[in-house]
Amino acid sequence: MAKDPGGGGAEQKRRPASKSEDAQEDVQASADVTEKGEELKEELDALLDEIDEVLEENAEEFVKQYVQKGGQ
């Protein structure tokens, strides 16, 4: 028995998408990535602002603890 080198013959081939369909998909994907990036940036900025506030409130204590731990 000879094997079919083409992979069985039952394989379906996708029709190639048109260039405009590809471009639309790329634009949509790019917009999704940009939107997600903006959301992450806003969350990170909020977290950094919160850290800054805590450090400003406890700066002296923070420095003393840091120096003390570093000297041990």
PDB file of N, CA and C in Angstrom:
ATOM      1  N   MET A   1       0.833  -1.192   0.000  1.00  0.00           N
ATOM      2  CA  MET A   1       0.000   0.000   0.000  1.00  0.00           C
ATOM      3  C   MET A   1       0.873   1.249   0.000  1.00  0.00           C
ATOM      4  N   ALA A   2       0.572   2.163  -0.845  1.00  0.00           N
ATOM      5  CA  ALA A   2       1.330   3.409  -0.934  1.00  0.00           C
ATOM      6  C   ALA A   2       0.640   4.477  -0.106  1.00  0.00           C
ATOM      7  N   LYS A   3       1.447   5.244   0.610  1.00  0.00           N
ATOM      8  CA  LYS A   3       0.903   6.342   1.418  1.00  0.00           C
ATOM      9  C   LYS A   3       0.743   7.572   0.540  1.00  0.00           C
ATOM     10  N   ASP A   4      -0.252   8.354   0.883  1.00  0.00           N
ATOM     11  CA  ASP A   4      -0.497   9.591   0.159  1.00  0.00           C
ATOM     12  C   ASP A   4       0.448  10.667   0.699  1.00  0.00           C
ATOM     13  N   PRO A   5       1.382  11.159  -0.095  1.00  0.00           N
ATOM     14  CA  PRO A   5       2.331  12.159   0.391  1.00  0.00           C
ATOM     15  C   PRO A   5       1.676  13.506   0.682  1.00  0.00           C
ATOM     16  N   GLY A   6       0.458  13.694   0.256  1.00  0.00           N
ATOM     17  CA  GLY A   6      -0.215  14.983   0.449  1.00  0.00           C
ATOM     18  C   GLY A   6      -0.896  15.112   1.787  1.00  0.00           C
ATOM     19  N   GLY A   7      -0.859  14.107   2.621  1.00  0.00           N
ATOM     20  CA  GLY A   7      -1.441  14.246   3.942  1.00  0.00           C
ATOM     21  C   GLY A   7      -2.823  13.640   4.048  1.00  0.00           C
ATOM     22  N   GLY A   8      -3.249  12.818   3.120  1.00  0.00           N
ATOM     23  CA  GLY A   8      -4.510  12.131   3.272  1.00  0.00           C
ATOM     24  C   GLY A   8      -5.585  12.577   2.317  1.00  0.00           C
ATOM     25  N   GLY A   9      -5.458  13.671   1.703  1.00  0.00           N
ATOM     26  CA  GLY A   9      -6.430  14.102   0.717  1.00  0.00           C
ATOM     27  C   GLY A   9      -7.693  14.695   1.312  1.00  0.00           C
ATOM     28  N   ALA A  10      -7.981  14.484   2.583  1.00  0.00           N
ATOM     29  CA  ALA A  10      -9.187  15.004   3.198  1.00  0.00           C
ATOM     30  C   ALA A  10      -8.958  16.387   3.800  1.00  0.00           C
ATOM     31  N   GLU A  11      -7.772  16.892   3.654  1.00  0.00           N
ATOM     32  CA  GLU A  11      -7.413  18.179   4.232  1.00  0.00           C
ATOM     33  C   GLU A  11      -8.119  19.303   3.471  1.00  0.00           C
ATOM     34  N   GLN A  12      -8.712  20.229   4.237  1.00  0.00           N
ATOM     35  CA  GLN A  12      -9.368  21.367   3.615  1.00  0.00           C
ATOM     36  C   GLN A  12      -8.420  22.548   3.639  1.00  0.00           C
ATOM     37  N   LYS A  13      -8.428  23.295   2.579  1.00  0.00           N
ATOM     38  CA  LYS A  13      -7.567  24.470   2.505  1.00  0.00           C
ATOM     39  C   LYS A  13      -8.409  25.713   2.717  1.00  0.00           C
ATOM     40  N   ARG A  14      -7.865  26.628   3.510  1.00  0.00           N
ATOM     41  CA  ARG A  14      -8.545  27.903   3.722  1.00  0.00           C
ATOM     42  C   ARG A  14      -8.339  28.773   2.500  1.00  0.00           C
ATOM     43  N   ARG A  15      -9.366  29.501   2.173  1.00  0.00           N
ATOM     44  CA  ARG A  15      -9.186  30.444   1.073  1.00  0.00           C
ATOM     45  C   ARG A  15      -8.433  31.644   1.615  1.00  0.00           C
ATOM     46  N   PRO A  16      -7.523  32.145   0.864  1.00  0.00           N
ATOM     47  CA  PRO A  16      -6.755  33.288   1.345  1.00  0.00           C
ATOM     48  C   PRO A  16      -7.656  34.505   1.521  1.00  0.00           C
ATOM     49  N   ALA A  17      -7.462  35.214   2.607  1.00  0.00           N
ATOM     50  CA  ALA A  17      -8.248  36.417   2.863  1.00  0.00           C
ATOM     51  C   ALA A  17      -7.776  37.528   1.935  1.00  0.00           C
ATOM     52  N   SER A  18      -8.679  38.403   1.615  1.00  0.00           N
ATOM     53  CA  SER A  18      -8.297  39.515   0.755  1.00  0.00           C
ATOM     54  C   SER A  18      -7.434  40.487   1.551  1.00  0.00           C
ATOM     55  N   LYS A  19      -6.736  41.343   0.838  1.00  0.00           N
ATOM     56  CA  LYS A  19      -5.851  42.300   1.508  1.00  0.00           C
ATOM     57  C   LYS A  19      -6.638  43.260   2.389  1.00  0.00           C
ATOM     58  N   SER A  20      -7.831  43.646   1.956  1.00  0.00           N
ATOM     59  CA  SER A  20      -8.623  44.579   2.763  1.00  0.00           C
ATOM     60  C   SER A  20      -9.101  43.911   4.046  1.00  0.00           C
ATOM     61  N   GLU A  21      -9.434  42.611   3.995  1.00  0.00           N
ATOM     62  CA  GLU A  21      -9.832  41.890   5.203  1.00  0.00           C
ATOM     63  C   GLU A  21      -8.652  41.796   6.167  1.00  0.00           C
ATOM     64  N   ASP A  22      -7.476  41.499   5.641  1.00  0.00           N
ATOM     65  CA  ASP A  22      -6.274  41.440   6.479  1.00  0.00           C
ATOM     66  C   ASP A  22      -6.000  42.789   7.128  1.00  0.00           C
ATOM     67  N   ALA A  23      -6.125  43.846   6.361  1.00  0.00           N
ATOM     68  CA  ALA A  23      -5.863  45.185   6.873  1.00  0.00           C
ATOM     69  C   ALA A  23      -6.862  45.544   7.969  1.00  0.00           C
ATOM     70  N   GLN A  24      -8.127  45.187   7.771  1.00  0.00           N
ATOM     71  CA  GLN A  24      -9.141  45.477   8.785  1.00  0.00           C
ATOM     72  C   GLN A  24      -8.857  44.710  10.071  1.00  0.00           C
ATOM     73  N   GLU A  25      -8.452  43.451   9.948  1.00  0.00           N
ATOM     74  CA  GLU A  25      -8.116  42.651  11.116  1.00  0.00           C
ATOM     75  C   GLU A  25      -6.908  43.243  11.839  1.00  0.00           C
ATOM     76  N   ASP A  26      -5.911  43.686  11.077  1.00  0.00           N
ATOM     77  CA  ASP A  26      -4.719  44.294  11.676  1.00  0.00           C
ATOM     78  C   ASP A  26      -5.070  45.582  12.414  1.00  0.00           C
ATOM     79  N   VAL A  27      -5.932  46.392  11.827  1.00  0.00           N
ATOM     80  CA  VAL A  27      -6.337  47.651  12.451  1.00  0.00           C
ATOM     81  C   VAL A  27      -7.087  47.358  13.741  1.00  0.00           C
ATOM     82  N   GLN A  28      -7.995  46.379  13.710  1.00  0.00           N
ATOM     83  CA  GLN A  28      -8.761  46.029  14.902  1.00  0.00           C
ATOM     84  C   GLN A  28      -7.837  45.497  15.995  1.00  0.00           C
ATOM     85  N   ALA A  29      -6.915  44.621  15.620  1.00  0.00           N
ATOM     86  CA  ALA A  29      -5.977  44.059  16.596  1.00  0.00           C
ATOM     87  C   ALA A  29      -5.117  45.168  17.190  1.00  0.00           C
ATOM     88  N   SER A  30      -4.673  46.086  16.350  1.00  0.00           N
ATOM     89  CA  SER A  30      -3.853  47.200  16.811  1.00  0.00           C
ATOM     90  C   SER A  30      -4.638  48.088  17.775  1.00  0.00           C
ATOM     91  N   ALA A  31      -5.895  48.343  17.462  1.00  0.00           N
ATOM     92  CA  ALA A  31      -6.733  49.161  18.335  1.00  0.00           C
ATOM     93  C   ALA A  31      -6.942  48.468  19.683  1.00  0.00           C
ATOM     94  N   ASP A  32      -7.146  47.150  19.660  1.00  0.00           N
ATOM     95  CA  ASP A  32      -7.327  46.395  20.902  1.00  0.00           C
ATOM     96  C   ASP A  32      -6.075  46.452  21.759  1.00  0.00           C
ATOM     97  N   VAL A  33      -4.923  46.290  21.128  1.00  0.00           N
ATOM     98  CA  VAL A  33      -3.653  46.329  21.857  1.00  0.00           C
ATOM     99  C   VAL A  33      -3.424  47.721  22.435  1.00  0.00           C
ATOM    100  N   THR A  34      -3.714  48.741  21.658  1.00  0.00           N
ATOM    101  CA  THR A  34      -3.539  50.115  22.127  1.00  0.00           C
ATOM    102  C   THR A  34      -4.446  50.398  23.317  1.00  0.00           C
ATOM    103  N   GLU A  35      -5.697  49.958  23.234  1.00  0.00           N
ATOM    104  CA  GLU A  35      -6.650  50.169  24.322  1.00  0.00           C
ATOM    105  C   GLU A  35      -6.188  49.452  25.591  1.00  0.00           C
ATOM    106  N   LYS A  36      -5.761  48.211  25.458  1.00  0.00           N
ATOM    107  CA  LYS A  36      -5.284  47.446  26.603  1.00  0.00           C
ATOM    108  C   LYS A  36      -4.034  48.102  27.195  1.00  0.00           C
ATOM    109  N   GLY A  37      -3.156  48.587  26.337  1.00  0.00           N
ATOM    110  CA  GLY A  37      -1.950  49.277  26.799  1.00  0.00           C
ATOM    111  C   GLY A  37      -2.277  50.531  27.587  1.00  0.00           C
ATOM    112  N   GLU A  38      -3.261  51.281  27.128  1.00  0.00           N
ATOM    113  CA  GLU A  38      -3.674  52.488  27.840  1.00  0.00           C
ATOM    114  C   GLU A  38      -4.251  52.134  29.206  1.00  0.00           C
ATOM    115  N   GLU A  39      -5.056  51.063  29.270  1.00  0.00           N
ATOM    116  CA  GLU A  39      -5.627  50.628  30.547  1.00  0.00           C
ATOM    117  C   GLU A  39      -4.515  50.240  31.525  1.00  0.00           C
ATOM    118  N   LEU A  40      -3.551  49.480  31.049  1.00  0.00           N
ATOM    119  CA  LEU A  40      -2.435  49.067  31.903  1.00  0.00           C
ATOM    120  C   LEU A  40      -1.619  50.267  32.369  1.00  0.00           C
ATOM    121  N   LYS A  41      -1.417  51.223  31.475  1.00  0.00           N
ATOM    122  CA  LYS A  41      -0.656  52.421  31.828  1.00  0.00           C
ATOM    123  C   LYS A  41      -1.369  53.198  32.921  1.00  0.00           C
ATOM    124  N   GLU A  42      -2.692  53.334  32.804  1.00  0.00           N
ATOM    125  CA  GLU A  42      -3.457  54.053  33.817  1.00  0.00           C
ATOM    126  C   GLU A  42      -3.390  53.339  35.168  1.00  0.00           C
ATOM    127  N   GLU A  43      -3.498  52.005  35.151  1.00  0.00           N
ATOM    128  CA  GLU A  43      -3.411  51.242  36.393  1.00  0.00           C
ATOM    129  C   GLU A  43      -2.028  51.385  37.032  1.00  0.00           C
ATOM    130  N   LEU A  44      -0.987  51.321  36.211  1.00  0.00           N
ATOM    131  CA  LEU A  44       0.375  51.467  36.713  1.00  0.00           C
ATOM    132  C   LEU A  44       0.604  52.863  37.278  1.00  0.00           C
ATOM    133  N   ASP A  45       0.114  53.885  36.586  1.00  0.00           N
ATOM    134  CA  ASP A  45       0.252  55.256  37.086  1.00  0.00           C
ATOM    135  C   ASP A  45      -0.448  55.422  38.426  1.00  0.00           C
ATOM    136  N   ALA A  46      -1.633  54.836  38.567  1.00  0.00           N
ATOM    137  CA  ALA A  46      -2.365  54.932  39.835  1.00  0.00           C
ATOM    138  C   ALA A  46      -1.593  54.239  40.958  1.00  0.00           C
ATOM    139  N   LEU A  47      -1.025  53.093  40.656  1.00  0.00           N
ATOM    140  CA  LEU A  47      -0.240  52.361  41.651  1.00  0.00           C
ATOM    141  C   LEU A  47       0.998  53.153  42.058  1.00  0.00           C
ATOM    142  N   LEU A  48       1.685  53.722  41.104  1.00  0.00           N
ATOM    143  CA  LEU A  48       2.876  54.526  41.408  1.00  0.00           C
ATOM    144  C   LEU A  48       2.518  55.773  42.210  1.00  0.00           C
ATOM    145  N   ASP A  49       1.376  56.384  41.899  1.00  0.00           N
ATOM    146  CA  ASP A  49       0.927  57.540  42.673  1.00  0.00           C
ATOM    147  C   ASP A  49       0.659  57.150  44.124  1.00  0.00           C
ATOM    148  N   GLU A  50       0.038  55.991  44.306  1.00  0.00           N
ATOM    149  CA  GLU A  50      -0.245  55.512  45.664  1.00  0.00           C
ATOM    150  C   GLU A  50       1.054  55.250  46.427  1.00  0.00           C
ATOM    151  N   ILE A  51       2.025  54.650  45.760  1.00  0.00           N
ATOM    152  CA  ILE A  51       3.329  54.399  46.387  1.00  0.00           C
ATOM    153  C   ILE A  51       3.994  55.714  46.765  1.00  0.00           C
ATOM    154  N   ASP A  52       3.945  56.691  45.861  1.00  0.00           N
ATOM    155  CA  ASP A  52       4.534  58.008  46.152  1.00  0.00           C
ATOM    156  C   ASP A  52       3.887  58.649  47.374  1.00  0.00           C
ATOM    157  N   GLU A  53       2.566  58.552  47.480  1.00  0.00           N
ATOM    158  CA  GLU A  53       1.860  59.137  48.621  1.00  0.00           C
ATOM    159  C   GLU A  53       2.305  58.492  49.924  1.00  0.00           C
ATOM    160  N   VAL A  54       2.401  57.168  49.924  1.00  0.00           N
ATOM    161  CA  VAL A  54       2.817  56.456  51.133  1.00  0.00           C
ATOM    162  C   VAL A  54       4.242  56.831  51.499  1.00  0.00           C
ATOM    163  N   LEU A  55       5.110  56.902  50.519  1.00  0.00           N
ATOM    164  CA  LEU A  55       6.502  57.253  50.799  1.00  0.00           C
ATOM    165  C   LEU A  55       6.635  58.685  51.302  1.00  0.00           C
ATOM    166  N   GLU A  56       5.838  59.589  50.761  1.00  0.00           N
ATOM    167  CA  GLU A  56       5.882  60.966  51.230  1.00  0.00           C
ATOM    168  C   GLU A  56       5.422  61.062  52.677  1.00  0.00           C
ATOM    169  N   GLU A  57       4.375  60.309  53.024  1.00  0.00           N
ATOM    170  CA  GLU A  57       3.848  60.341  54.388  1.00  0.00           C
ATOM    171  C   GLU A  57       4.829  59.724  55.375  1.00  0.00           C
ATOM    172  N   ASN A  58       5.526  58.694  54.951  1.00  0.00           N
ATOM    173  CA  ASN A  58       6.392  57.946  55.858  1.00  0.00           C
ATOM    174  C   ASN A  58       7.853  57.998  55.419  1.00  0.00           C
ATOM    175  N   ALA A  59       8.260  59.058  54.777  1.00  0.00           N
ATOM    176  CA  ALA A  59       9.598  59.114  54.199  1.00  0.00           C
ATOM    177  C   ALA A  59      10.691  58.970  55.254  1.00  0.00           C
ATOM    178  N   GLU A  60      10.582  59.715  56.328  1.00  0.00           N
ATOM    179  CA  GLU A  60      11.631  59.667  57.346  1.00  0.00           C
ATOM    180  C   GLU A  60      11.721  58.266  57.965  1.00  0.00           C
ATOM    181  N   GLU A  61      10.576  57.721  58.329  1.00  0.00           N
ATOM    182  CA  GLU A  61      10.549  56.375  58.910  1.00  0.00           C
ATOM    183  C   GLU A  61      11.071  55.349  57.899  1.00  0.00           C
ATOM    184  N   PHE A  62      10.687  55.496  56.659  1.00  0.00           N
ATOM    185  CA  PHE A  62      11.132  54.582  55.613  1.00  0.00           C
ATOM    186  C   PHE A  62      12.650  54.601  55.483  1.00  0.00           C
ATOM    187  N   VAL A  63      13.223  55.790  55.454  1.00  0.00           N
ATOM    188  CA  VAL A  63      14.674  55.922  55.303  1.00  0.00           C
ATOM    189  C   VAL A  63      15.388  55.311  56.498  1.00  0.00           C
ATOM    190  N   LYS A  64      14.893  55.585  57.714  1.00  0.00           N
ATOM    191  CA  LYS A  64      15.512  55.018  58.911  1.00  0.00           C
ATOM    192  C   LYS A  64      15.480  53.494  58.873  1.00  0.00           C
ATOM    193  N   GLN A  65      14.336  52.923  58.485  1.00  0.00           N
ATOM    194  CA  GLN A  65      14.241  51.459  58.417  1.00  0.00           C
ATOM    195  C   GLN A  65      15.150  50.909  57.325  1.00  0.00           C
ATOM    196  N   TYR A  66      15.224  51.598  56.220  1.00  0.00           N
ATOM    197  CA  TYR A  66      16.064  51.134  55.114  1.00  0.00           C
ATOM    198  C   TYR A  66      17.530  51.139  55.519  1.00  0.00           C
ATOM    199  N   VAL A  67      17.971  52.234  56.151  1.00  0.00           N
ATOM    200  CA  VAL A  67      19.371  52.346  56.580  1.00  0.00           C
ATOM    201  C   VAL A  67      19.672  51.300  57.639  1.00  0.00           C
ATOM    202  N   GLN A  68      18.746  51.113  58.566  1.00  0.00           N
ATOM    203  CA  GLN A  68      18.946  50.151  59.635  1.00  0.00           C
ATOM    204  C   GLN A  68      19.059  48.731  59.069  1.00  0.00           C
ATOM    205  N   LYS A  69      18.186  48.373  58.154  1.00  0.00           N
ATOM    206  CA  LYS A  69      18.236  47.038  57.561  1.00  0.00           C
ATOM    207  C   LYS A  69      19.499  46.866  56.725  1.00  0.00           C
ATOM    208  N   GLY A  70      19.894  47.917  56.048  1.00  0.00           N
ATOM    209  CA  GLY A  70      21.086  47.842  55.222  1.00  0.00           C
ATOM    210  C   GLY A  70      22.363  47.707  56.034  1.00  0.00           C
ATOM    211  N   GLY A  71      22.367  48.216  57.256  1.00  0.00           N
ATOM    212  CA  GLY A  71      23.545  48.165  58.103  1.00  0.00           C
ATOM    213  C   GLY A  71      23.694  46.877  58.886  1.00  0.00           C
ATOM    214  N   GLN A  72      22.696  46.042  58.858  1.00  0.00           N
ATOM    215  CA  GLN A  72      22.761  44.806  59.642  1.00  0.00           C
ATOM    216  C   GLN A  72      23.610  43.761  58.986  1.00  0.00           C
TER     217      GLN A  72
END
